[in-house]
N, C-alpha and C. Protein backbone atom coordinates (compact mmCIF):
# COMPACT_ATOMS: atom_id res chain seq x y z
N MET A 1 -2.77 35.62 -16.65
CA MET A 1 -3.51 34.42 -16.31
C MET A 1 -4.99 34.78 -16.27
N ARG A 2 -5.79 33.99 -16.94
CA ARG A 2 -7.25 34.19 -16.95
C ARG A 2 -7.89 33.11 -16.08
N ILE A 3 -8.65 33.57 -15.08
CA ILE A 3 -9.31 32.67 -14.14
C ILE A 3 -10.82 32.88 -14.27
N GLN A 4 -11.52 31.80 -14.57
CA GLN A 4 -12.97 31.85 -14.74
C GLN A 4 -13.63 30.91 -13.73
N VAL A 5 -14.73 31.39 -13.15
CA VAL A 5 -15.50 30.57 -12.20
C VAL A 5 -16.95 30.60 -12.65
N ARG A 6 -17.55 29.43 -12.69
CA ARG A 6 -18.99 29.29 -12.97
C ARG A 6 -19.60 28.53 -11.81
N ARG A 7 -20.58 29.15 -11.15
CA ARG A 7 -21.27 28.52 -10.02
C ARG A 7 -22.68 28.17 -10.44
N THR A 8 -23.08 26.94 -10.20
CA THR A 8 -24.43 26.49 -10.53
C THR A 8 -25.05 25.85 -9.30
N GLY A 9 -26.36 25.66 -9.36
CA GLY A 9 -27.06 24.97 -8.28
C GLY A 9 -27.60 25.95 -7.26
N GLY A 10 -27.61 25.50 -6.02
CA GLY A 10 -28.17 26.32 -4.96
C GLY A 10 -29.68 26.17 -4.88
N PHE A 11 -30.26 26.77 -3.90
CA PHE A 11 -31.70 26.65 -3.67
C PHE A 11 -32.51 27.18 -4.86
N ALA A 12 -32.11 28.32 -5.42
CA ALA A 12 -32.86 28.92 -6.53
C ALA A 12 -32.37 28.45 -7.90
N GLY A 13 -31.25 27.76 -7.94
CA GLY A 13 -30.73 27.26 -9.21
C GLY A 13 -30.21 28.34 -10.14
N ILE A 14 -29.81 29.47 -9.58
CA ILE A 14 -29.32 30.58 -10.40
C ILE A 14 -27.83 30.41 -10.67
N GLU A 15 -27.48 30.48 -11.95
CA GLU A 15 -26.08 30.36 -12.36
C GLU A 15 -25.41 31.72 -12.26
N ARG A 16 -24.16 31.70 -11.81
CA ARG A 16 -23.38 32.93 -11.74
C ARG A 16 -21.98 32.62 -12.25
N SER A 17 -21.41 33.54 -13.02
CA SER A 17 -20.05 33.34 -13.50
C SER A 17 -19.33 34.67 -13.51
N ALA A 18 -18.01 34.59 -13.41
CA ALA A 18 -17.15 35.77 -13.43
C ALA A 18 -15.77 35.36 -13.88
N GLU A 19 -14.98 36.36 -14.24
CA GLU A 19 -13.64 36.12 -14.76
C GLU A 19 -12.70 37.20 -14.26
N VAL A 20 -11.47 36.80 -13.96
CA VAL A 20 -10.42 37.74 -13.59
C VAL A 20 -9.23 37.47 -14.49
N ASP A 21 -8.67 38.54 -15.05
CA ASP A 21 -7.45 38.44 -15.86
C ASP A 21 -6.35 39.15 -15.08
N THR A 22 -5.34 38.40 -14.67
CA THR A 22 -4.29 38.95 -13.83
C THR A 22 -3.19 39.65 -14.62
N ALA A 23 -3.31 39.70 -15.94
CA ALA A 23 -2.25 40.27 -16.78
C ALA A 23 -1.93 41.71 -16.42
N GLY A 24 -2.91 42.49 -15.99
CA GLY A 24 -2.67 43.89 -15.69
C GLY A 24 -2.34 44.17 -14.23
N LEU A 25 -2.17 43.14 -13.42
CA LEU A 25 -1.92 43.34 -12.00
C LEU A 25 -0.44 43.48 -11.70
N ALA A 26 -0.13 44.16 -10.60
CA ALA A 26 1.25 44.33 -10.16
C ALA A 26 1.84 42.99 -9.72
N GLY A 27 3.15 42.91 -9.67
CA GLY A 27 3.88 41.68 -9.41
C GLY A 27 3.41 40.83 -8.26
N ALA A 28 3.36 41.38 -7.05
CA ALA A 28 3.01 40.59 -5.87
C ALA A 28 1.55 40.14 -5.92
N ASP A 29 0.66 41.01 -6.40
CA ASP A 29 -0.75 40.64 -6.47
C ASP A 29 -0.96 39.56 -7.53
N ALA A 30 -0.33 39.71 -8.67
CA ALA A 30 -0.43 38.69 -9.73
C ALA A 30 0.13 37.36 -9.25
N GLU A 31 1.23 37.40 -8.50
CA GLU A 31 1.85 36.18 -7.98
C GLU A 31 0.93 35.50 -6.97
N ALA A 32 0.25 36.27 -6.14
CA ALA A 32 -0.68 35.69 -5.16
C ALA A 32 -1.83 34.99 -5.88
N TRP A 33 -2.38 35.61 -6.92
CA TRP A 33 -3.45 34.98 -7.72
C TRP A 33 -2.93 33.68 -8.36
N ARG A 34 -1.72 33.73 -8.94
CA ARG A 34 -1.16 32.56 -9.61
C ARG A 34 -0.98 31.40 -8.63
N ALA A 35 -0.40 31.69 -7.47
CA ALA A 35 -0.16 30.64 -6.48
C ALA A 35 -1.47 30.02 -6.01
N LEU A 36 -2.46 30.86 -5.76
CA LEU A 36 -3.77 30.35 -5.32
C LEU A 36 -4.41 29.50 -6.41
N ALA A 37 -4.37 29.97 -7.65
CA ALA A 37 -4.95 29.22 -8.77
C ALA A 37 -4.26 27.87 -8.96
N GLU A 38 -2.96 27.82 -8.81
CA GLU A 38 -2.23 26.55 -8.97
C GLU A 38 -2.62 25.56 -7.89
N ARG A 39 -2.82 26.03 -6.65
CA ARG A 39 -3.24 25.12 -5.58
C ARG A 39 -4.65 24.59 -5.85
N VAL A 40 -5.52 25.46 -6.36
CA VAL A 40 -6.90 25.05 -6.68
C VAL A 40 -6.89 24.01 -7.79
N LEU A 41 -6.09 24.22 -8.81
CA LEU A 41 -6.01 23.25 -9.90
C LEU A 41 -5.51 21.90 -9.39
N ALA A 42 -4.56 21.91 -8.48
CA ALA A 42 -4.00 20.67 -7.95
C ALA A 42 -5.02 19.90 -7.12
N ASP A 43 -5.94 20.63 -6.45
CA ASP A 43 -6.92 19.99 -5.57
C ASP A 43 -8.25 19.69 -6.24
N GLY A 44 -8.45 20.18 -7.47
CA GLY A 44 -9.73 20.04 -8.14
C GLY A 44 -9.93 18.66 -8.74
N SER A 45 -11.16 18.39 -9.11
CA SER A 45 -11.55 17.13 -9.72
C SER A 45 -11.68 17.31 -11.24
N ALA A 46 -11.31 16.30 -11.99
CA ALA A 46 -11.41 16.37 -13.46
C ALA A 46 -12.86 16.26 -13.94
N ALA A 47 -13.74 15.78 -13.08
CA ALA A 47 -15.17 15.66 -13.42
C ALA A 47 -15.98 16.26 -12.28
N PRO A 48 -17.18 16.74 -12.59
CA PRO A 48 -18.01 17.32 -11.52
C PRO A 48 -18.29 16.29 -10.43
N PRO A 49 -17.94 16.62 -9.18
CA PRO A 49 -18.21 15.69 -8.07
C PRO A 49 -19.68 15.74 -7.69
N ALA A 50 -20.11 14.71 -6.99
CA ALA A 50 -21.48 14.69 -6.48
C ALA A 50 -21.61 15.78 -5.43
N GLY A 51 -22.65 16.54 -5.51
CA GLY A 51 -22.89 17.59 -4.53
C GLY A 51 -23.95 17.17 -3.54
N VAL A 52 -24.51 18.15 -2.89
CA VAL A 52 -25.60 17.91 -1.95
C VAL A 52 -26.82 18.69 -2.44
N PRO A 53 -28.02 18.28 -2.05
CA PRO A 53 -29.20 19.03 -2.48
C PRO A 53 -29.07 20.52 -2.10
N ASP A 54 -29.39 21.36 -3.05
CA ASP A 54 -29.34 22.81 -2.88
C ASP A 54 -27.93 23.36 -2.65
N GLY A 55 -26.91 22.55 -2.87
CA GLY A 55 -25.53 23.01 -2.76
C GLY A 55 -25.06 23.56 -4.09
N PHE A 56 -23.95 24.28 -4.06
CA PHE A 56 -23.38 24.83 -5.27
C PHE A 56 -22.33 23.90 -5.86
N GLY A 57 -22.27 23.90 -7.19
CA GLY A 57 -21.20 23.23 -7.91
C GLY A 57 -20.40 24.29 -8.64
N TYR A 58 -19.11 24.07 -8.80
CA TYR A 58 -18.22 25.06 -9.38
C TYR A 58 -17.39 24.47 -10.51
N ARG A 59 -17.29 25.22 -11.59
CA ARG A 59 -16.35 24.91 -12.67
C ARG A 59 -15.32 26.02 -12.63
N ILE A 60 -14.07 25.66 -12.42
CA ILE A 60 -12.99 26.63 -12.29
C ILE A 60 -12.02 26.38 -13.44
N THR A 61 -11.82 27.41 -14.27
CA THR A 61 -10.94 27.28 -15.43
C THR A 61 -9.83 28.31 -15.31
N VAL A 62 -8.60 27.82 -15.41
CA VAL A 62 -7.42 28.68 -15.34
C VAL A 62 -6.61 28.45 -16.61
N ASP A 63 -6.56 29.49 -17.44
CA ASP A 63 -5.81 29.40 -18.71
C ASP A 63 -6.14 28.13 -19.49
N GLY A 64 -7.41 27.81 -19.57
CA GLY A 64 -7.85 26.67 -20.37
C GLY A 64 -7.89 25.33 -19.66
N ARG A 65 -7.39 25.26 -18.46
CA ARG A 65 -7.41 24.01 -17.68
C ARG A 65 -8.56 24.09 -16.69
N THR A 66 -9.47 23.10 -16.74
CA THR A 66 -10.69 23.14 -15.93
C THR A 66 -10.70 22.05 -14.88
N VAL A 67 -11.13 22.44 -13.68
CA VAL A 67 -11.38 21.50 -12.59
C VAL A 67 -12.75 21.81 -12.01
N TYR A 68 -13.27 20.88 -11.23
CA TYR A 68 -14.61 21.02 -10.65
C TYR A 68 -14.54 20.82 -9.14
N ALA A 69 -15.46 21.46 -8.45
CA ALA A 69 -15.58 21.31 -7.00
C ALA A 69 -17.05 21.50 -6.64
N ALA A 70 -17.43 21.07 -5.44
CA ALA A 70 -18.83 21.21 -5.01
C ALA A 70 -18.89 21.40 -3.50
N ASP A 71 -19.91 22.15 -3.09
CA ASP A 71 -20.20 22.27 -1.66
C ASP A 71 -20.66 20.92 -1.16
N PRO A 72 -20.41 20.54 0.03
CA PRO A 72 -19.71 21.28 1.07
C PRO A 72 -18.24 20.92 1.16
N ARG A 73 -17.70 20.29 0.15
CA ARG A 73 -16.33 19.78 0.22
C ARG A 73 -15.30 20.67 -0.47
N LEU A 74 -15.51 21.96 -0.48
CA LEU A 74 -14.51 22.86 -1.05
C LEU A 74 -13.32 22.95 -0.10
N THR A 75 -12.12 22.96 -0.67
CA THR A 75 -10.95 23.22 0.16
C THR A 75 -10.93 24.70 0.51
N GLU A 76 -10.12 25.07 1.45
CA GLU A 76 -9.99 26.48 1.84
C GLU A 76 -9.54 27.32 0.64
N GLU A 77 -8.60 26.79 -0.14
CA GLU A 77 -8.11 27.51 -1.32
C GLU A 77 -9.19 27.66 -2.38
N GLN A 78 -9.96 26.60 -2.61
CA GLN A 78 -11.05 26.68 -3.60
C GLN A 78 -12.07 27.72 -3.17
N ARG A 79 -12.44 27.71 -1.90
CA ARG A 79 -13.41 28.68 -1.39
C ARG A 79 -12.89 30.11 -1.54
N GLU A 80 -11.62 30.32 -1.25
CA GLU A 80 -11.03 31.66 -1.37
C GLU A 80 -11.01 32.12 -2.83
N LEU A 81 -10.57 31.25 -3.73
CA LEU A 81 -10.50 31.64 -5.14
C LEU A 81 -11.89 31.93 -5.71
N VAL A 82 -12.84 31.05 -5.43
CA VAL A 82 -14.21 31.24 -5.92
C VAL A 82 -14.76 32.57 -5.40
N SER A 83 -14.58 32.82 -4.13
CA SER A 83 -15.08 34.06 -3.53
C SER A 83 -14.43 35.29 -4.15
N ARG A 84 -13.13 35.26 -4.34
CA ARG A 84 -12.43 36.40 -4.92
C ARG A 84 -12.84 36.65 -6.37
N VAL A 85 -12.93 35.60 -7.16
CA VAL A 85 -13.29 35.77 -8.57
C VAL A 85 -14.73 36.27 -8.70
N LEU A 86 -15.65 35.66 -7.96
CA LEU A 86 -17.04 36.09 -8.06
C LEU A 86 -17.24 37.51 -7.55
N LYS A 87 -16.41 37.92 -6.60
CA LYS A 87 -16.49 39.28 -6.06
C LYS A 87 -15.84 40.30 -6.99
N GLU A 88 -14.65 39.99 -7.52
CA GLU A 88 -13.87 40.95 -8.28
C GLU A 88 -14.04 40.82 -9.79
N GLY A 89 -14.50 39.66 -10.24
CA GLY A 89 -14.61 39.42 -11.68
C GLY A 89 -15.71 40.23 -12.33
N ALA A 90 -15.53 40.45 -13.61
CA ALA A 90 -16.54 41.21 -14.36
C ALA A 90 -17.12 40.34 -15.45
């Protein structure tokens, strides 16, 4: 499973993106990524939602399926996935 996150906006307007490919991960870790990604896809918006001034907007793509989210209305799962991908992605 390929998970991509693109973050835009913020005070400085700096774009950041990262990607994680779970294909090489062990069973339980890969399953945790898959379950989290599926919850994020279910809660995401098909179009970029309205954000707040200086807030971040996110484009989250999982195996070709894209959803959008924005601060400050990220779900707990969206926040966790975004944080993990931006931290661990290359």
